[in-house]
Protein backbone atom coordinates (compact mmCIF):
# COMPACT_ATOMS: atom_id res chain seq x y z
CA MET A 1 0.39 81.42 68.64
CA ARG A 2 3.29 83.00 66.75
CA SER A 3 6.27 80.67 66.48
CA SER A 4 9.67 81.50 67.86
CA PHE A 5 12.52 81.67 65.38
CA LEU A 6 14.89 81.10 68.28
CA SER A 7 13.33 77.67 68.83
CA LEU A 8 13.81 76.93 65.15
CA ALA A 9 17.40 78.13 65.28
CA LEU A 10 18.21 76.14 68.38
CA ALA A 11 16.65 73.08 66.76
CA SER A 12 19.10 73.31 63.89
CA VAL A 13 21.96 73.85 66.34
CA PHE A 14 21.00 70.69 68.23
CA VAL A 15 20.89 68.77 64.98
CA SER A 16 24.24 70.11 63.85
CA LEU A 17 25.77 69.05 67.17
CA GLY A 18 24.35 65.56 66.80
CA CYS A 19 22.01 65.81 69.79
CA ALA A 20 19.47 63.02 69.93
CA HIS A 21 16.56 65.06 71.25
CA ALA A 22 16.22 68.28 69.31
CA PRO A 23 13.23 70.55 70.00
CA ALA A 24 10.37 70.14 67.58
CA VAL A 25 10.27 72.65 64.71
CA PRO A 26 7.13 74.78 65.11
CA SER A 27 4.62 75.43 62.39
CA ALA A 28 4.88 78.48 60.17
CA PRO A 29 3.56 81.71 61.72
CA THR A 30 0.90 83.98 60.36
CA ALA A 31 1.83 87.07 58.34
CA ARG A 32 3.20 90.05 60.25
CA ALA A 33 3.77 93.73 59.58
CA ALA A 34 5.80 94.89 56.60
CA VAL A 35 9.55 94.56 56.96
CA PRO A 36 11.72 97.71 57.02
CA PHE A 37 13.58 96.82 53.81
CA PRO A 38 12.90 94.80 50.66
CA ILE A 39 13.62 91.10 51.07
CA ALA A 40 15.27 89.23 48.25
CA THR A 41 13.75 86.01 46.94
CA PRO A 42 15.15 83.76 48.16
CA CYS A 43 16.17 85.66 51.31
CA ALA A 44 19.86 86.48 51.47
CA ASP A 45 20.81 86.53 55.16
CA VAL A 46 19.61 85.55 58.61
CA ALA A 47 17.88 88.91 59.24
CA GLU A 48 15.91 88.74 55.98
CA CYS A 49 15.09 85.08 56.47
CA THR A 50 13.94 85.63 60.05
CA LEU A 51 11.44 88.27 59.00
CA ALA A 52 10.29 86.30 55.96
CA CYS A 53 9.87 83.22 58.15
CA ASP A 54 7.79 85.26 60.61
CA GLY A 55 5.70 86.34 57.64
CA GLY A 56 4.84 82.76 56.72
CA ASP A 57 7.53 81.88 54.15
CA ALA A 58 8.41 78.26 54.97
CA ASP A 59 11.40 78.21 52.61
CA ALA A 60 12.80 81.25 54.45
CA CYS A 61 12.50 79.34 57.73
CA VAL A 62 14.61 76.55 56.27
CA ARG A 63 17.21 78.99 54.95
CA ALA A 64 17.37 80.71 58.34
CA ALA A 65 17.86 77.37 60.06
CA ASP A 66 20.60 76.54 57.57
CA SER A 67 22.40 79.75 58.57
CA TRP A 68 22.42 78.57 62.17
CA GLU A 69 23.48 75.06 61.24
CA ARG A 70 26.50 76.36 59.34
CA ALA A 71 27.53 78.63 62.22
CA SER A 72 30.32 77.67 64.56
CA LEU A 73 29.64 77.71 68.28
CA GLY A 74 31.68 80.92 68.53
CA THR A 75 29.25 82.86 66.34
CA ILE A 76 25.99 81.54 67.77
CA LYS A 77 25.74 84.28 70.40
CA GLN A 78 26.33 86.88 67.71
CA LEU A 79 23.68 85.33 65.48
CA MET A 80 21.11 85.29 68.27
CA ARG A 81 20.95 89.09 68.54
CA ILE A 82 20.34 89.74 64.85
CA PRO A 83 16.77 88.34 64.72
CA ALA A 84 15.98 90.40 67.82
CA TYR A 85 17.23 93.59 66.16
CA ALA A 86 15.32 92.74 62.97
CA ARG A 87 12.04 92.19 64.80
CA ALA A 88 12.53 95.33 66.93
CA CYS A 89 13.18 97.36 63.79
CA ARG A 90 10.12 95.91 62.03
CA ASP A 91 8.00 96.75 65.07
CA GLY A 92 9.07 100.40 65.06
CA SER A 93 12.19 100.56 67.26
CA ALA A 94 14.58 103.16 65.88
CA ARG A 95 17.37 101.79 68.04
CA GLY A 96 16.68 98.28 66.76
CA CYS A 97 17.02 99.53 63.17
CA TYR A 98 20.26 101.30 64.06
CA GLU A 99 21.81 98.23 65.64
CA LEU A 100 20.72 96.03 62.74
CA GLY A 101 22.24 98.53 60.33
CA SER A 102 25.55 98.44 62.15
CA GLU A 103 25.55 94.64 61.78
CA TYR A 104 25.42 95.10 57.99
CA LEU A 105 28.68 97.05 58.25
CA SER A 106 30.53 94.36 60.18
CA GLU A 107 30.51 91.79 57.32
CA ASP A 108 30.09 88.88 59.73
CA PRO A 109 27.70 87.15 60.16
CA LEU A 110 25.61 89.36 57.85
CA PRO A 111 26.87 90.14 54.36
CA LYS A 112 28.30 93.63 53.97
CA ASN A 113 25.59 95.98 52.67
CA ILE A 114 26.54 99.63 53.19
CA GLU A 115 23.46 101.06 51.48
CA ARG A 116 21.12 99.03 53.67
CA ALA A 117 23.19 99.88 56.75
CA ALA A 118 22.78 103.61 56.15
CA GLN A 119 19.05 103.16 55.46
CA LEU A 120 18.54 101.32 58.74
CA MET A 121 20.76 103.60 60.83
CA ARG A 122 18.92 106.78 59.83
CA PRO A 123 15.93 106.29 62.18
CA GLY A 124 18.31 105.68 65.07
CA CYS A 125 20.20 108.90 64.37
CA GLU A 126 16.95 110.86 64.05
CA LYS A 127 15.48 109.60 67.31
CA HIS A 128 18.71 109.10 69.29
CA PRO A 129 21.08 111.86 68.09
CA GLU A 130 23.81 110.71 70.46
CA VAL A 131 24.57 107.86 68.02
CA CYS A 132 24.99 110.14 64.98
CA SER A 133 28.68 110.81 65.60
CA ASP A 134 29.55 107.11 65.82
CA ALA A 135 27.39 106.38 62.78
CA THR A 136 29.25 109.05 60.82
CA ALA A 137 32.59 107.52 61.77
CA MET A 138 31.50 103.98 60.86
CA LEU A 139 29.99 104.95 57.51
CA THR A 140 33.05 107.03 56.66
CA GLU A 141 35.34 104.11 57.43
CA LYS A 142 33.27 101.82 55.19
CA LYS A 143 33.32 104.41 52.37
CA ALA A 144 29.56 104.93 52.27
CA ASP A 145 27.98 107.34 49.80
CA PRO A 146 29.29 110.86 50.64
CA ASN A 147 25.77 112.30 50.65
CA GLU A 148 24.70 109.72 53.22
CA VAL A 149 27.75 110.45 55.35
CA GLN A 150 27.08 114.19 55.21
CA TRP A 151 23.49 113.63 56.34
CA PHE A 152 24.74 111.88 59.48
CA ALA A 153 27.57 114.39 60.00
CA ALA A 154 25.17 117.34 59.92
CA ARG A 155 23.04 115.80 62.65
CA ALA A 156 26.11 114.86 64.67
CA GLY A 157 27.21 118.50 64.54
CA ASP A 158 23.79 119.75 65.62
CA HIS A 159 23.81 117.36 68.56
CA ALA A 160 27.34 118.40 69.54
CA ALA A 161 26.24 122.05 69.54
CA ASN A 162 23.28 121.18 71.77
CA LEU A 163 25.62 119.41 74.19
CA CYS A 164 27.85 122.48 74.32
CA ALA A 165 24.84 124.49 75.51
CA SER A 166 24.51 122.24 78.56
CA ARG A 167 25.51 123.28 82.07
CA ASP A 168 26.85 119.76 82.62
CA ILE A 169 30.62 119.78 82.07
CA ARG A 170 30.61 116.13 80.98
CA GLU A 171 28.07 116.81 78.25
CA VAL A 172 30.09 119.78 77.03
CA GLN A 173 33.17 117.57 76.95
CA THR A 174 31.30 115.02 74.82
CA GLY A 175 30.24 117.78 72.44
CA ILE A 176 33.83 118.98 72.07
CA TRP A 177 35.05 115.46 71.36
CA SER A 178 32.34 115.08 68.73
CA PHE A 179 33.39 118.30 66.98
CA HIS A 180 37.01 117.19 66.97
CA GLY A 181 36.09 113.79 65.55
CA LEU A 182 34.13 115.48 62.78
CA SER A 183 37.03 117.86 62.19
CA GLU A 184 39.52 115.04 61.78
CA ARG A 185 37.33 113.61 59.02
CA GLY A 186 36.69 117.00 57.40
CA GLN A 187 32.98 116.88 58.23
CA VAL A 188 32.46 119.83 60.58
CA ASN A 189 29.04 121.43 60.36
CA ASP A 190 30.00 125.14 60.21
CA PRO A 191 26.68 126.59 61.51
CA ALA A 192 26.64 124.10 64.40
CA LEU A 193 30.25 124.89 65.34
CA THR A 194 29.57 128.63 65.19
CA ARG A 195 26.53 128.18 67.44
CA ALA A 196 28.53 126.12 69.95
CA ARG A 197 31.35 128.66 70.07
CA GLY A 198 28.89 131.50 70.63
CA THR A 199 27.05 129.65 73.40
CA LEU A 200 30.24 128.82 75.28
CA GLU A 201 31.73 132.29 74.90
CA ALA A 202 28.54 133.81 76.33
CA SER A 203 28.75 131.41 79.27
CA CYS A 204 32.42 132.32 79.69
CA HIS A 205 31.66 136.04 79.81
CA ALA A 206 28.98 135.27 82.40
CA GLY A 207 31.74 134.13 84.76
CA ARG A 208 32.30 130.42 84.19
CA PRO A 209 35.98 129.55 83.66
CA TRP A 210 35.28 126.02 82.45
CA ALA A 211 33.12 127.49 79.66
CA CYS A 212 36.02 129.75 78.69
CA MET A 213 38.25 126.71 78.35
CA ALA A 214 35.61 124.80 76.40
CA ALA A 215 35.27 127.75 74.01
CA ALA A 216 39.06 127.88 73.73
CA ALA A 217 39.00 124.22 72.76
CA LEU A 218 36.61 124.98 69.91
CA TRP A 219 38.80 127.86 68.72
CA SER A 220 42.04 125.89 68.92
CA SER A 221 44.05 125.69 65.72
CA SER A 222 43.80 121.90 65.80
CA LEU A 223 40.09 122.28 65.03
CA SER A 224 39.07 123.22 61.52
CA PRO A 225 37.57 125.17 59.93
CA GLY A 226 38.43 128.60 61.21
CA GLY A 227 40.66 127.77 64.15
CA ASP A 228 42.09 130.86 65.84
CA ALA A 229 44.98 130.23 68.25
CA ALA A 230 45.05 133.85 69.44
CA ARG A 231 41.37 133.82 70.32
CA ALA A 232 41.77 130.48 72.09
CA LYS A 233 44.61 131.91 74.18
CA ALA A 234 42.54 134.99 75.06
CA LEU A 235 39.72 132.77 76.31
CA ALA A 236 42.17 130.72 78.39
CA THR A 237 43.48 133.97 79.89
CA GLU A 238 39.93 134.99 80.76
CA ALA A 239 39.45 131.62 82.45
CA GLY A 240 42.51 132.30 84.60
CA GLN A 241 41.25 135.76 85.53
CA LEU A 242 37.93 134.29 86.63
CA LEU A 243 39.67 131.65 88.71
CA ALA A 244 41.74 134.32 90.44
CA LYS A 245 38.62 136.34 91.25
CA GLY A 246 36.98 133.31 92.79
CA CYS A 247 34.48 133.06 89.95
CA THR A 248 32.09 135.32 91.86
CA THR A 249 29.58 135.80 89.05
CA ALA A 250 28.74 132.12 88.54
CA THR A 251 25.49 130.89 90.04
CA ASP A 252 26.86 127.41 90.77
CA LYS A 253 30.22 127.26 92.54
CA LYS A 254 30.88 123.83 91.05
CA GLU A 255 31.34 125.64 87.76
CA CYS A 256 34.39 127.35 89.25
CA GLU A 257 36.22 124.23 90.35
CA LEU A 258 39.55 123.62 88.71
CA PRO A 259 38.67 120.11 87.44
CA GLY A 260 36.25 121.87 85.12
CA LEU A 261 39.26 123.09 83.17
CA GLN A 262 40.40 119.57 82.41
CA LEU A 263 38.50 119.04 79.17
CA PRO A 264 40.83 116.76 77.19
CA ILE A 265 40.65 117.36 73.46
CA VAL A 266 42.40 116.37 70.28
CA GLY A 267 45.64 118.32 69.97
CA GLU A 268 47.13 117.55 73.38
CA GLU A 269 50.13 119.88 73.16
CA GLU A 270 48.03 122.88 72.24
CA TRP A 271 45.52 122.05 74.96
CA ALA A 272 48.31 121.76 77.53
CA ARG A 273 49.48 125.25 76.57
CA LEU A 274 45.95 126.63 76.95
CA VAL A 275 45.59 125.10 80.42
CA GLU A 276 49.00 126.47 81.36
CA THR A 277 47.95 129.94 80.18
CA ALA A 278 44.86 129.83 82.40
CA LEU A 279 46.79 128.61 85.43
CA GLU A 280 49.63 131.10 84.92
CA THR A 281 47.13 133.96 84.77
CA ALA A 282 45.39 132.86 87.96
CA CYS A 283 48.65 132.12 89.77
CA ALA A 284 50.11 135.52 88.85
CA THR A 285 47.26 137.22 90.69
CA GLY A 286 47.71 135.15 93.84
CA ASP A 287 45.48 132.10 93.43
CA LYS A 288 47.44 129.50 95.41
CA LYS A 289 45.40 126.56 94.18
CA SER A 290 46.18 127.49 90.58
CA CYS A 291 49.87 127.87 91.44
CA ALA A 292 49.91 124.35 92.88
CA SER A 293 48.07 122.98 89.86
CA LEU A 294 50.45 124.78 87.52
CA HIS A 295 53.41 123.24 89.33
CA SER A 296 51.85 119.78 89.04
CA ALA A 297 51.03 120.29 85.36
CA ARG A 298 54.63 121.22 84.61
CA LEU A 299 55.92 118.24 86.56
CA ILE A 300 53.61 115.90 84.66
CA GLU A 301 54.86 117.29 81.36
CA ALA A 302 58.48 116.89 82.47
CA CYS A 303 57.90 113.36 83.74
CA SER A 304 55.85 112.04 80.82
CA GLN A 305 57.16 114.07 77.89
CA ARG A 306 60.78 114.85 78.78
CA LYS A 307 61.33 111.64 80.77
CA ASP A 308 62.69 113.54 83.77
CA GLY A 309 63.10 111.12 86.68
CA ALA A 310 63.35 113.93 89.23
CA ALA A 311 59.97 115.27 88.09
CA CYS A 312 58.40 111.83 88.46
CA LEU A 313 59.90 111.60 91.96
CA GLU A 314 58.42 114.98 92.91
CA LEU A 315 55.00 113.95 91.61
CA GLY A 316 55.19 110.86 93.79
CA ARG A 317 56.06 112.99 96.82
CA LEU A 318 53.13 115.33 96.16
CA GLU A 319 50.75 112.39 95.84
CA GLU A 320 52.08 110.75 98.99
CA ASP A 321 52.01 113.96 101.04
CA GLY A 322 48.45 114.67 99.91
CA ALA A 323 47.37 111.14 100.77
CA ARG A 324 48.64 111.47 104.34
CA THR A 325 46.95 114.77 105.20
CA SER A 326 43.84 113.06 106.58
CA PRO A 327 43.59 110.64 109.53
CA GLU A 328 42.79 107.82 107.11
CA PRO A 329 45.36 107.76 104.28
CA ASP A 330 43.97 107.83 100.74
CA GLU A 331 44.91 104.40 99.40
CA ASP A 332 44.28 105.33 95.76
CA ALA A 333 46.60 108.33 96.09
CA LEU A 334 49.26 106.18 97.74
CA ARG A 335 49.06 103.68 94.89
CA GLY A 336 49.37 106.60 92.50
CA ALA A 337 52.46 107.76 94.37
CA ALA A 338 53.95 104.28 94.08
CA LEU A 339 53.41 104.37 90.32
CA PHE A 340 55.13 107.76 90.02
CA TYR A 341 58.04 106.45 92.11
CA SER A 342 58.20 103.37 89.90
CA GLN A 343 58.30 105.59 86.82
CA ALA A 344 61.14 107.59 88.40
CA CYS A 345 62.94 104.31 89.05
CA ASP A 346 62.52 103.32 85.40
CA LEU A 347 64.31 106.59 84.59
CA GLU A 348 67.21 105.55 86.87
CA ASN A 349 66.28 107.75 89.82
CA GLY A 350 67.54 105.82 92.85
CA GLU A 351 65.39 107.61 95.42
CA GLY A 352 62.32 106.82 93.35
CA CYS A 353 63.22 103.12 93.49
CA ALA A 354 63.67 103.27 97.27
CA ARG A 355 60.39 105.11 97.87
CA ALA A 356 58.54 102.65 95.63
CA ALA A 357 59.96 99.80 97.74
CA ASP A 358 58.89 101.50 100.98
CA LEU A 359 55.30 101.96 99.80
CA LEU A 360 55.12 98.40 98.50
CA GLU A 361 56.44 97.08 101.79
CA ALA A 362 53.75 99.05 103.63
CA GLY A 363 51.09 97.48 101.40
CA HIS A 364 50.28 100.56 99.33
CA GLY A 365 51.48 99.48 95.90
CA PRO A 366 49.61 98.00 92.94
CA ASP A 367 48.16 94.60 93.84
CA GLU A 368 49.63 92.93 90.77
CA LEU A 369 53.22 93.42 91.98
CA PRO A 370 54.63 90.38 93.85
CA PRO A 371 56.40 90.74 97.22
CA SER A 372 59.72 90.09 95.47
CA ALA A 373 59.37 93.48 93.76
CA ILE A 374 60.32 95.17 97.05
CA ASP A 375 63.86 93.80 96.99
CA VAL A 376 64.11 94.39 93.25
CA PHE A 377 63.35 98.08 93.76
CA ARG A 378 65.90 98.33 96.58
CA THR A 379 68.56 96.65 94.45
CA LEU A 380 67.85 99.15 91.67
CA ALA A 381 67.93 102.04 94.17
CA CYS A 382 71.43 101.02 95.22
CA ARG A 383 72.53 100.53 91.61
CA HIS A 384 71.28 104.02 90.71
CA GLY A 385 73.25 105.68 93.51
CA PHE A 386 70.83 105.82 96.43
CA THR A 387 73.25 104.32 98.94
CA ALA A 388 70.78 104.25 101.85
CA ALA A 389 69.06 101.33 100.12
CA CYS A 390 72.20 99.26 99.68
CA GLY A 391 72.12 96.01 101.62
CA LYS A 392 68.59 96.65 102.88
CA SER A 393 66.05 93.87 102.39
CA SER A 394 62.31 93.70 102.94
CA SER A 395 61.23 93.08 106.51
CA SER A 396 57.49 92.65 106.08
CA PRO A 397 56.62 91.64 102.53
CA LYS A 398 53.30 92.68 101.14
CA GLN A 399 50.73 89.94 101.51
C-alpha cells in the first residue's frame, strides 16, 4: 500500500512539538509516474521532496519531513496543500499544476521559481482559460519572461472575447474587466479586442441596449489600443434610443432592463458620462424610468464626488420612499437610506442627521451602530441648524 506523505509530515510535526506518541513513519513507497518537472538532487523544496519520496527516494522523505519540522504552526496549513497540488499535477490535473505554479510565485513556503511557475501554470491556462487573466497579472508582477507573459496574455484576450459573445451580462462584464486589466498592463490582444467589439456592436444593432453599453466600454478612450471616445458616445446614444423604444427587437426582455447598463469598468468618470448619455437620450424621448435613473445618477455624483450634503439627503429620501411603497418595508433599502442620511450629516446637513436618528430609532439603521448614536445624530442635527431636533432625545432606543 502506498504510504501517505501527510502521515510522515505529521510525524515530524509531533516530534517537533515534543509529543510522546508520534505516529510511526511508514516504509518507502513504490515508484510512481514521472513528475511534471525535473527534480534536483537532493530535492530542493517540499513539493519536489514529496514527489521524490513517493517515488521511493528515502533521503527525499527525510528532507520533506525536515521541511515540516522547521515550519511554524502558522505555516503548517499552507504546507499541507502543496503536496496535494504536486500529486494532482503529477497525476494529470491541469488545475493542480496551475495552483502549484502559483505557489512558486509566492516565495513562501516554496522558494521563488518564476520559470517553473510559468511552466506549471500553462496547462491550467490551456484547460481553464478563466485563470489566464490572473496568471498574466501574477507573472507580470513577478517580472517573468516577456514571451511567457505574452503567451498567457494572448489566451486571456481570447477568453475575454469569448465572454463578450455571451448573452449573460455577467460574463460580458467579466470579459470587459479582463480587457481593461490587459490594457492597463499594455498586453491587449488586438485581434481578440476587435472580435469582441464587433460581436457586441452586432448585438447592439440587434436591439440590446446593454450590448451597446458594453461595446461603448470597449471603445472608451481609457482602453488602448484604438480607443474612440466619439464612437463610444454614439453607442451609448443608441443604447438610450433602444431604451426609449422599449427595446422591442430583443428576444429576451431581461436584456432591456436598466441594470444591464451598469457595467462598471476602468475609467469611472468616462463610464459615468457614457451612462449619462444613454439615460439623457432615453429621458428626452419620454422614458420615465430613465429620467428617474438619470436623476439618481446625478445625485450620486453630487453626493460622492462633489460632497453635496443636500444631494445625499435627497438620495436618502428616494431610498426611504421606495422602501415604503410596499406593505412590507424593504429593510435593506431603509438601511441604505440611513447610510445616505448619515453621509449627509457628515457633510453638516442637519436634516440628514435628524432623519438618520429617526430611522435608527425605528430599528432600520446599520446593526453596528449603538443606541447612543440616536442622540448623537440629534445633537448634530441641532448643531447644524435643524432646530426641530433641538432638545429631542430618543424615546425607544434600538435594541
